[in-house]
Amino acid sequence: MNGASESFHVKAMAKKTLQLLRDYESANVTCMEADGSWPIVWQRAKGTQVWDADGKKYLDLTAAFGVAAAGHANPKVVTAGQRQMATLLHAMGDVHPHALKAKLARELSRITFGRWVSSRKSDRLNKASGKTIFCNSGFEAVEAALKTAILATGKRGVIAFSGAYHGLGYGALNATHREHFRASFRTQLREFCHFSPFPHDERDLAKVESVIRSYFRRHKIGAILVEPIQARGGINVPPPQFLPLLRKLCDEHQALLILDEIYTGFGRTGKWFACEHSGTVPDVICLGKALTGGFPLSACVGRADVMDAAWPPSTGEAIHTSTFLGHPVGCAMALAQIAEIKRLKLVNRSARSGKFLMRSLQTEISSPKWKLEIRGAGLMAGLEIKNQQGAPATAFSLKLIKELLQRGFIFLPEGEHANVINFTPPLTISEAELQKAVRELNKVLDSI
């Protein structure tokens, strides 16, 4: 096949893929622009690069929703998955276990509660380890945490925050704030969540504390559920006193502090977990996305004494389970992914690269037409775009992202108004690649 015919073939394949999706996938899933500007059809990915079905190469600034922390198709992670598929493709989650599930549960305990409280001698006996419920997707880990809260406290109420995104299953949807996701299903929701404002600076903390205390007075609250940094909410970074305040309030009212670190975990913000920036130890932490580097597996990890108090020993029928619980391929990949994050020192690299990214954005991004705000931590950064009157520049931001896609850069919008340009690249990204992306972004800002 010569070059011209091969090019025609791959373009035809992309068109055929999109047409099949139009014909056979729910219309609400994949957005397709009539002019062909969106989406691209992914063909393969490696490291920080993605190739589409037309053979065009892109720099991925999303890590595919933050999943590819150790790079797309990391060789060690891929090999671990392939070997496990050839050995044991599936097991019986809550009945007959496999060894890797036990090893991963131990590793998750070591990198969470084992690290956080092992230095406190008085806590070692009961609190220096974590216990895990394995799940498949992030929202399921959140729902396991919500179940843990009511079992541990006997109180149904949960406090969440404006801008929160905890997933779209019916349990998690109660705590997801955006009306776009909730409105169509409100009549079927139990709505056990109460929403507090999410603080953006220190001046907001007094109001947040007042609102939360009022909820504790008026309702039976068993947990506070929060993202240490809101990702889909718009890369919203709270003041450093926020999580310690929530820890104090939970301790006062015998409620659980649940941290949703599905997006922020595994080095994304320059720490293993974002709660470590403020030294806050949760009762339960929800993990996913970067856990495996590309296999559907998530985890609800709770402090051992909390989990033991909440969940009774199984007598043969678990009260929270699923067919693919602790899937052997996912566990193998997760163990390899965690080892790669350690070997490549990606947590420290994320912190260094994040500082470089913030400096680059602050020094190279400017526009006389738009109001720009830059915020983030580690390799989780956002550029918010508003017009001169302060209104979200939604249409412009989407046009910007589509133009960048045409130029070979994959970005996503975040925030309720889709006006925050999201930087969550693989943690393996180089400073040269970051600078290239920032400069191209600035060119497009000037040219549109």
Protein backbone atom coordinates (compact mmCIF):
# COMPACT_ATOMS: atom_id res chain seq x y z
CA MET A 1 0.00 0.00 0.00
CA ASN A 2 1.58 3.32 -1.07
CA GLY A 3 1.56 6.47 1.09
CA ALA A 4 -1.42 8.14 -0.57
CA SER A 5 -3.63 5.07 -0.42
CA GLU A 6 -2.59 4.34 3.17
CA SER A 7 -3.51 7.90 4.21
CA PHE A 8 -6.89 7.54 2.52
CA HIS A 9 -7.40 4.22 4.30
CA VAL A 10 -6.76 5.57 7.81
CA LYS A 11 -8.96 8.62 7.22
CA ALA A 12 -11.72 6.33 6.03
CA MET A 13 -11.28 4.23 9.20
CA ALA A 14 -11.74 7.30 11.40
CA LYS A 15 -14.88 8.35 9.56
CA LYS A 16 -16.23 4.80 9.77
CA THR A 17 -15.60 4.70 13.53
CA LEU A 18 -17.50 7.93 14.12
CA GLN A 19 -20.35 6.77 11.90
CA LEU A 20 -20.61 3.49 13.83
CA LEU A 21 -20.85 5.49 17.05
CA ARG A 22 -23.59 7.65 15.57
CA ASP A 23 -25.48 4.52 14.60
CA TYR A 24 -24.97 2.35 17.68
CA GLU A 25 -23.88 4.41 20.71
CA SER A 26 -26.20 6.56 22.79
CA ALA A 27 -26.25 10.04 21.30
CA ASN A 28 -25.54 11.55 24.72
CA VAL A 29 -22.05 10.01 25.01
CA THR A 30 -19.70 11.26 22.28
CA CYS A 31 -19.96 14.88 21.16
CA MET A 32 -19.39 15.17 17.41
CA GLU A 33 -19.03 18.52 15.69
CA ALA A 34 -20.56 18.76 12.22
CA ASP A 35 -17.40 20.41 10.85
CA GLY A 36 -15.22 17.48 11.95
CA SER A 37 -13.21 19.56 14.43
CA TRP A 38 -14.14 17.25 17.31
CA PRO A 39 -13.42 14.49 18.29
CA ILE A 40 -10.33 12.72 17.06
CA VAL A 41 -10.30 8.92 17.04
CA TRP A 42 -7.42 7.62 19.17
CA GLN A 43 -5.34 4.86 17.56
CA ARG A 44 -2.40 4.43 19.97
CA ALA A 45 -0.53 6.24 22.74
CA LYS A 46 2.97 6.12 24.20
CA GLY A 47 4.51 8.23 26.95
CA THR A 48 3.12 11.74 26.48
CA GLN A 49 2.14 11.23 22.84
CA VAL A 50 -1.12 10.14 21.19
CA TRP A 51 -1.67 9.18 17.56
CA ASP A 52 -5.11 9.38 15.98
CA ALA A 53 -6.63 7.11 13.35
CA ASP A 54 -5.37 9.49 10.66
CA GLY A 55 -1.79 9.01 11.86
CA LYS A 56 -1.44 12.52 13.32
CA LYS A 57 0.59 12.89 16.52
CA TYR A 58 -0.55 14.92 19.55
CA LEU A 59 0.96 16.01 22.85
CA ASP A 60 -1.44 14.91 25.58
CA LEU A 61 -1.96 17.51 28.32
CA THR A 62 -4.75 15.46 29.96
CA ALA A 63 -3.09 12.07 30.70
CA ALA A 64 -6.46 10.72 29.50
CA PHE A 65 -8.39 12.12 32.50
CA GLY A 66 -5.29 11.85 34.72
CA VAL A 67 -4.96 8.08 34.29
CA ALA A 68 -1.59 7.84 32.52
CA ALA A 69 0.50 9.24 35.40
CA ALA A 70 3.53 7.07 34.55
CA GLY A 71 3.04 7.69 30.84
CA HIS A 72 0.76 6.08 28.30
CA ALA A 73 1.52 2.38 27.83
CA ASN A 74 4.29 2.39 30.41
CA PRO A 75 6.27 -0.77 29.50
CA LYS A 76 6.45 -2.15 33.05
CA VAL A 77 2.72 -1.64 33.58
CA VAL A 78 1.81 -3.14 30.21
CA THR A 79 4.04 -6.17 30.81
CA ALA A 80 2.49 -6.75 34.23
CA GLY A 81 -0.98 -6.73 32.72
CA GLN A 82 -0.01 -9.02 29.84
CA ARG A 83 1.63 -11.57 32.13
CA GLN A 84 -1.35 -11.61 34.43
CA MET A 85 -3.79 -12.03 31.54
CA ALA A 86 -1.85 -15.09 30.44
CA THR A 87 -1.84 -16.54 33.96
CA LEU A 88 -5.17 -15.66 35.58
CA LEU A 89 -7.55 -13.49 33.62
CA HIS A 90 -10.38 -13.43 36.15
CA ALA A 91 -11.00 -14.57 39.71
CA MET A 92 -13.91 -14.56 42.16
CA GLY A 93 -13.74 -11.19 43.87
CA ASP A 94 -15.38 -11.76 47.24
CA VAL A 95 -15.24 -15.57 47.32
CA HIS A 96 -11.97 -17.22 46.26
CA PRO A 97 -9.19 -14.58 46.37
CA HIS A 98 -5.95 -14.30 44.42
CA ALA A 99 -2.57 -13.25 45.80
CA LEU A 100 -2.25 -9.92 44.00
CA LYS A 101 -5.39 -8.54 45.61
CA ALA A 102 -3.87 -9.13 49.05
CA LYS A 103 -0.55 -7.61 48.00
CA LEU A 104 -2.21 -4.50 46.57
CA ALA A 105 -4.35 -4.02 49.69
CA ARG A 106 -1.15 -4.12 51.75
CA GLU A 107 0.60 -1.66 49.40
CA LEU A 108 -2.30 0.79 49.55
CA SER A 109 -2.19 0.60 53.33
CA ARG A 110 1.55 1.28 53.31
CA ILE A 111 1.39 4.37 51.08
CA THR A 112 -1.61 5.89 52.88
CA PHE A 113 -2.24 5.33 56.58
CA GLY A 114 1.01 3.48 57.07
CA ARG A 115 2.94 6.60 56.03
CA TRP A 116 0.64 9.11 57.68
CA VAL A 117 0.43 7.79 61.23
CA SER A 118 3.36 5.40 61.68
CA SER A 119 5.38 8.11 63.46
CA ARG A 120 2.72 8.53 66.15
CA LYS A 121 3.52 5.79 68.64
CA SER A 122 0.21 6.02 70.49
CA ASP A 123 -1.68 5.42 67.25
CA ARG A 124 0.32 2.51 65.90
CA LEU A 125 -1.73 -0.36 67.27
CA ASN A 126 -5.11 0.63 65.84
CA LYS A 127 -4.56 3.32 63.23
CA ALA A 128 -1.27 2.70 61.42
CA SER A 129 -2.85 0.62 58.68
CA GLY A 130 -5.64 0.91 56.20
CA LYS A 131 -8.19 -1.59 54.95
CA THR A 132 -9.50 -1.58 51.40
CA ILE A 133 -12.69 -2.23 49.49
CA PHE A 134 -11.80 -2.67 45.82
CA CYS A 135 -14.14 -1.27 43.19
CA ASN A 136 -14.15 -0.73 39.43
CA SER A 137 -14.62 2.99 38.84
CA GLY A 138 -14.13 6.12 40.89
CA PHE A 139 -17.78 6.70 41.73
CA GLU A 140 -18.01 3.18 43.14
CA ALA A 141 -15.16 3.93 45.55
CA VAL A 142 -17.08 7.03 46.67
CA GLU A 143 -20.22 4.97 47.20
CA ALA A 144 -18.27 2.41 49.26
CA ALA A 145 -17.03 5.33 51.38
CA LEU A 146 -20.57 6.66 51.83
CA LYS A 147 -21.69 3.21 52.97
CA THR A 148 -18.74 3.09 55.37
CA ALA A 149 -19.87 6.39 56.89
CA ILE A 150 -23.42 5.32 57.66
CA LEU A 151 -22.28 1.94 58.98
CA ALA A 152 -19.67 3.55 61.22
CA THR A 153 -21.77 6.44 62.54
CA GLY A 154 -25.42 5.47 62.07
CA LYS A 155 -26.03 8.94 60.59
CA ARG A 156 -27.31 9.30 57.02
CA GLY A 157 -26.37 12.92 56.29
CA VAL A 158 -23.29 13.93 54.28
CA ILE A 159 -21.80 17.38 53.72
CA ALA A 160 -20.30 18.03 50.28
CA PHE A 161 -19.33 21.23 48.47
CA SER A 162 -20.38 23.50 45.65
CA GLY A 163 -18.54 22.56 42.48
CA ALA A 164 -18.02 18.99 43.71
CA TYR A 165 -17.77 16.10 41.27
CA HIS A 166 -17.83 12.64 42.87
CA GLY A 167 -19.22 10.60 39.98
CA LEU A 168 -22.60 9.86 38.48
CA GLY A 169 -23.84 6.64 40.08
CA TYR A 170 -27.01 7.26 42.07
CA GLY A 171 -25.21 7.26 45.40
CA ALA A 172 -22.34 9.50 44.29
CA LEU A 173 -24.69 11.72 42.30
CA ASN A 174 -26.21 12.90 45.57
CA ALA A 175 -22.83 14.52 46.31
CA THR A 176 -22.10 15.81 42.80
CA HIS A 177 -23.12 19.44 42.79
CA ARG A 178 -23.52 20.46 39.16
CA GLU A 179 -27.14 20.63 38.01
CA HIS A 180 -26.19 19.47 34.52
CA PHE A 181 -25.65 16.00 35.99
CA ARG A 182 -28.38 16.01 38.67
CA ALA A 183 -31.41 17.73 37.23
CA SER A 184 -32.76 14.93 35.03
CA PHE A 185 -32.63 12.40 37.87
CA ARG A 186 -33.60 14.46 40.89
CA THR A 187 -36.94 12.70 41.39
CA GLN A 188 -35.08 9.41 41.92
CA LEU A 189 -32.44 10.80 44.29
CA ARG A 190 -32.73 10.44 48.04
CA GLU A 191 -30.69 13.67 48.38
CA PHE A 192 -28.94 13.00 51.66
CA CYS A 193 -26.20 15.56 50.89
CA HIS A 194 -26.03 19.14 52.13
CA PHE A 195 -23.82 21.52 50.17
CA SER A 196 -21.43 24.05 51.65
CA PRO A 197 -19.59 26.71 49.65
CA PHE A 198 -16.11 25.63 48.56
CA PRO A 199 -13.53 28.17 49.77
CA HIS A 200 -11.23 29.89 47.29
CA ASP A 201 -9.26 31.98 49.78
CA GLU A 202 -8.87 32.46 53.53
CA ARG A 203 -11.69 35.00 53.67
CA ASP A 204 -14.17 32.26 52.76
CA LEU A 205 -13.27 29.96 55.64
CA ALA A 206 -15.39 31.64 58.31
CA LYS A 207 -18.50 31.34 56.15
CA VAL A 208 -17.73 27.71 55.31
CA GLU A 209 -17.29 26.86 58.98
CA SER A 210 -20.55 28.60 59.85
CA VAL A 211 -22.49 26.72 57.16
CA ILE A 212 -21.03 23.36 58.17
CA ARG A 213 -21.71 23.93 61.86
CA SER A 214 -25.32 24.79 61.04
CA TYR A 215 -25.69 21.51 59.15
CA PHE A 216 -24.28 19.58 62.10
CA ARG A 217 -26.80 21.31 64.41
CA ARG A 218 -29.82 20.66 62.20
CA HIS A 219 -29.08 17.26 60.66
CA LYS A 220 -27.59 13.90 61.56
CA ILE A 221 -24.30 14.18 59.65
CA GLY A 222 -22.10 11.09 59.37
CA ALA A 223 -19.42 12.39 57.00
CA ILE A 224 -17.85 15.28 55.17
CA LEU A 225 -16.91 14.34 51.60
CA VAL A 226 -14.46 16.59 49.77
CA GLU A 227 -11.91 16.81 46.96
CA PRO A 228 -8.70 18.40 48.30
CA ILE A 229 -8.52 20.21 44.95
CA GLN A 230 -11.57 20.28 42.71
CA ALA A 231 -10.60 19.06 39.25
CA ARG A 232 -13.77 18.97 37.18
CA GLY A 233 -15.07 21.86 39.23
CA GLY A 234 -12.43 24.08 37.61
CA ILE A 235 -9.05 23.30 39.26
CA ASN A 236 -10.23 25.01 42.43
CA VAL A 237 -7.48 25.15 45.07
CA PRO A 238 -8.70 25.90 48.62
CA PRO A 239 -6.61 27.73 51.23
CA PRO A 240 -4.23 25.46 53.21
CA GLN A 241 -6.32 25.76 56.40
CA PHE A 242 -9.37 24.19 54.73
CA LEU A 243 -8.72 20.47 55.24
CA PRO A 244 -7.47 20.94 58.84
CA LEU A 245 -10.70 22.83 59.55
CA LEU A 246 -12.76 19.93 58.19
CA ARG A 247 -10.70 17.47 60.24
CA LYS A 248 -11.43 19.49 63.39
CA LEU A 249 -15.16 19.69 62.66
CA CYS A 250 -15.41 15.96 61.98
CA ASP A 251 -13.59 15.18 65.22
CA GLU A 252 -15.91 17.47 67.18
CA HIS A 253 -19.05 15.85 65.76
CA GLN A 254 -17.93 12.20 65.48
CA ALA A 255 -18.21 12.25 61.70
CA LEU A 256 -15.89 10.72 59.12
CA LEU A 257 -13.68 12.85 56.89
CA ILE A 258 -13.76 11.26 53.42
CA LEU A 259 -11.27 12.56 50.85
CA ASP A 260 -12.00 11.98 47.19
CA GLU A 261 -8.46 11.76 45.78
CA ILE A 262 -9.47 9.88 42.66
CA TYR A 263 -8.01 12.67 40.50
CA THR A 264 -5.45 14.19 42.87
CA GLY A 265 -3.84 10.95 44.06
CA PHE A 266 -0.57 9.25 43.13
CA GLY A 267 1.61 12.33 42.74
CA ARG A 268 -0.67 14.51 40.65
CA THR A 269 -0.32 17.59 42.90
CA GLY A 270 3.34 17.14 43.85
CA LYS A 271 2.62 14.94 46.88
CA TRP A 272 1.61 11.29 46.93
CA PHE A 273 -1.82 12.56 47.96
CA ALA A 274 -3.06 16.13 48.00
CA CYS A 275 -4.06 15.96 51.68
CA GLU A 276 -0.36 15.81 52.52
CA HIS A 277 0.09 19.48 51.57
CA SER A 278 -1.71 20.37 54.81
CA GLY A 279 -0.77 17.28 56.83
CA THR A 280 -4.42 16.23 57.10
CA VAL A 281 -5.16 12.54 57.74
CA PRO A 282 -8.62 11.44 56.58
CA ASP A 283 -10.70 8.58 57.91
CA VAL A 284 -11.34 7.27 54.40
CA ILE A 285 -9.67 8.03 51.07
CA CYS A 286 -11.04 7.20 47.61
CA LEU A 287 -8.54 6.30 44.88
CA GLY A 288 -8.77 5.58 41.17
CA LYS A 289 -7.65 6.99 37.78
CA ALA A 290 -3.83 6.81 38.05
CA LEU A 291 -4.00 3.73 40.29
CA THR A 292 -3.48 1.30 37.38
CA GLY A 293 -2.41 3.51 34.48
CA GLY A 294 -5.23 2.25 32.30
CA PHE A 295 -7.36 -0.55 33.79
CA PRO A 296 -10.75 -0.05 35.50
CA LEU A 297 -9.88 -0.40 39.19
CA SER A 298 -10.53 1.87 42.15
CA ALA A 299 -10.26 1.60 45.91
CA CYS A 300 -11.93 2.87 49.06
CA VAL A 301 -9.21 2.77 51.74
CA GLY A 302 -10.21 3.46 55.33
CA ARG A 303 -8.31 3.60 58.56
CA ALA A 304 -8.31 0.04 59.92
CA ASP A 305 -10.22 0.77 63.12
CA VAL A 306 -12.87 2.70 61.19
CA MET A 307 -13.32 -0.06 58.62
CA ASP A 308 -13.46 -2.77 61.28
CA ALA A 309 -16.10 -0.83 63.21
CA ALA A 310 -18.18 -0.22 60.09
CA TRP A 311 -18.06 -3.51 58.19
CA PRO A 312 -18.90 -6.84 59.90
CA PRO A 313 -16.87 -9.96 59.04
CA SER A 314 -18.25 -11.76 56.03
CA THR A 315 -20.23 -14.90 56.77
CA GLY A 316 -20.34 -15.93 53.14
CA GLU A 317 -22.23 -13.08 51.50
CA ALA A 318 -20.55 -9.66 51.39
CA ILE A 319 -22.92 -6.68 51.68
CA HIS A 320 -20.87 -4.65 49.18
CA THR A 321 -19.31 -6.48 46.26
CA SER A 322 -19.17 -6.85 42.48
CA THR A 323 -18.26 -9.48 39.92
CA PHE A 324 -14.92 -7.88 39.07
CA LEU A 325 -13.92 -6.85 42.61
CA GLY A 326 -10.12 -6.69 42.89
CA HIS A 327 -9.64 -7.89 39.31
CA PRO A 328 -6.29 -9.72 38.97
CA VAL A 329 -5.19 -7.83 35.86
CA GLY A 330 -5.99 -4.49 37.49
CA CYS A 331 -4.15 -5.48 40.67
CA ALA A 332 -1.07 -6.53 38.70
CA MET A 333 -1.06 -3.25 36.80
CA ALA A 334 -1.63 -1.21 39.96
CA LEU A 335 1.33 -2.80 41.73
CA ALA A 336 3.49 -2.10 38.66
CA GLN A 337 2.17 1.46 38.36
CA ILE A 338 2.93 2.27 42.01
CA ALA A 339 6.41 0.77 41.59
CA GLU A 340 6.99 2.93 38.51
CA ILE A 341 5.86 6.08 40.30
CA LYS A 342 8.43 5.27 42.98
CA ARG A 343 11.22 4.21 40.59
CA LEU A 344 10.88 7.25 38.35
CA LYS A 345 10.45 9.56 41.38
CA LEU A 346 7.34 10.97 39.73
CA VAL A 347 5.97 12.59 42.90
CA ASN A 348 9.02 14.84 43.21
CA ARG A 349 9.08 15.32 39.45
CA SER A 350 5.46 16.46 39.52
CA ALA A 351 6.31 19.04 42.16
CA ARG A 352 9.28 20.39 40.16
CA SER A 353 7.50 20.31 36.80
CA GLY A 354 4.45 21.91 38.36
CA LYS A 355 6.50 24.88 39.54
CA PHE A 356 8.00 25.20 36.07
CA LEU A 357 4.52 25.04 34.50
CA MET A 358 3.14 27.72 36.81
CA ARG A 359 6.11 30.03 36.09
CA SER A 360 5.67 29.48 32.36
CA LEU A 361 1.95 30.21 32.48
CA GLN A 362 2.47 33.32 34.60
CA THR A 363 5.26 34.75 32.42
CA GLU A 364 4.15 33.72 28.93
CA ILE A 365 0.34 33.76 28.95
CA SER A 366 -1.32 37.13 28.53
CA SER A 367 -4.21 38.70 26.67
CA PRO A 368 -5.49 42.29 26.51
CA LYS A 369 -8.98 41.04 25.67
CA TRP A 370 -9.55 38.43 28.36
CA LYS A 371 -9.24 38.23 32.13
CA LEU A 372 -6.98 35.28 32.95
CA GLU A 373 -6.46 33.46 36.26
CA ILE A 374 -3.86 30.74 36.76
CA ARG A 375 -4.01 28.26 39.65
CA GLY A 376 -2.98 24.76 40.57
CA ALA A 377 -0.61 22.44 42.43
CA GLY A 378 1.96 20.12 40.92
CA LEU A 379 0.88 18.94 37.49
CA MET A 380 -2.74 19.89 38.07
CA ALA A 381 -3.13 23.44 36.78
CA GLY A 382 -5.89 25.50 35.27
CA LEU A 383 -6.17 28.68 33.20
CA GLU A 384 -9.55 30.33 33.75
CA ILE A 385 -10.73 32.69 31.01
CA LYS A 386 -13.33 35.42 31.54
CA ASN A 387 -14.37 38.45 29.53
CA GLN A 388 -13.65 41.97 30.73
CA GLN A 389 -16.98 42.05 32.57
CA GLY A 390 -16.00 38.93 34.53
CA ALA A 391 -18.36 36.48 32.79
CA PRO A 392 -17.08 33.01 31.86
CA ALA A 393 -15.69 32.95 28.31
CA THR A 394 -17.20 29.57 27.51
CA ALA A 395 -17.51 29.81 23.72
CA PHE A 396 -14.02 31.27 23.37
CA SER A 397 -12.47 28.62 25.64
CA LEU A 398 -14.03 25.77 23.66
CA LYS A 399 -12.89 27.36 20.40
CA LEU A 400 -9.41 27.67 21.87
CA ILE A 401 -9.29 23.98 22.81
CA LYS A 402 -10.51 22.91 19.37
CA GLU A 403 -7.89 25.06 17.66
CA LEU A 404 -5.17 23.60 19.89
CA LEU A 405 -6.38 20.12 18.95
CA GLN A 406 -5.93 20.98 15.28
CA ARG A 407 -2.37 22.10 16.11
CA GLY A 408 -1.56 18.80 17.85
CA PHE A 409 -2.26 19.49 21.53
CA ILE A 410 -4.94 17.66 23.56
CA PHE A 411 -6.56 19.79 26.27
CA LEU A 412 -9.89 19.60 28.09
CA PRO A 413 -12.12 22.29 29.59
CA GLU A 414 -13.11 22.16 33.25
CA GLY A 415 -15.54 24.04 35.48
CA GLU A 416 -19.28 24.46 35.40
CA HIS A 417 -18.95 26.89 32.47
CA ALA A 418 -16.19 24.97 30.64
CA ASN A 419 -13.95 28.04 30.70
CA VAL A 420 -10.95 26.59 32.56
CA ILE A 421 -8.19 25.11 30.40
CA ASN A 422 -6.92 22.03 32.22
CA PHE A 423 -3.26 20.95 32.47
CA THR A 424 -3.06 17.39 33.86
CA PRO A 425 -0.40 15.76 31.66
CA PRO A 426 1.44 12.51 32.34
CA LEU A 427 3.86 13.08 35.21
CA THR A 428 6.62 11.98 32.84
CA ILE A 429 6.22 15.08 30.67
CA SER A 430 9.39 17.11 30.05
CA GLU A 431 9.81 20.82 30.73
CA ALA A 432 10.43 21.33 27.01
CA GLU A 433 7.06 19.73 26.21
CA LEU A 434 5.31 21.84 28.83
CA GLN A 435 6.88 25.02 27.47
CA LYS A 436 5.92 24.06 23.92
CA ALA A 437 2.30 23.60 25.00
CA VAL A 438 2.22 26.89 26.92
CA ARG A 439 3.69 28.85 24.00
CA GLU A 440 1.24 27.32 21.55
CA LEU A 441 -1.61 28.16 23.90
CA ASN A 442 -0.45 31.77 24.03
CA LYS A 443 -0.22 31.91 20.20
CA VAL A 444 -3.79 30.70 19.91
CA LEU A 445 -4.95 33.22 22.53
CA ASP A 446 -3.49 35.96 20.33
CA SER A 447 -4.72 34.60 17.02
CA ILE A 448 -8.38 33.80 17.68
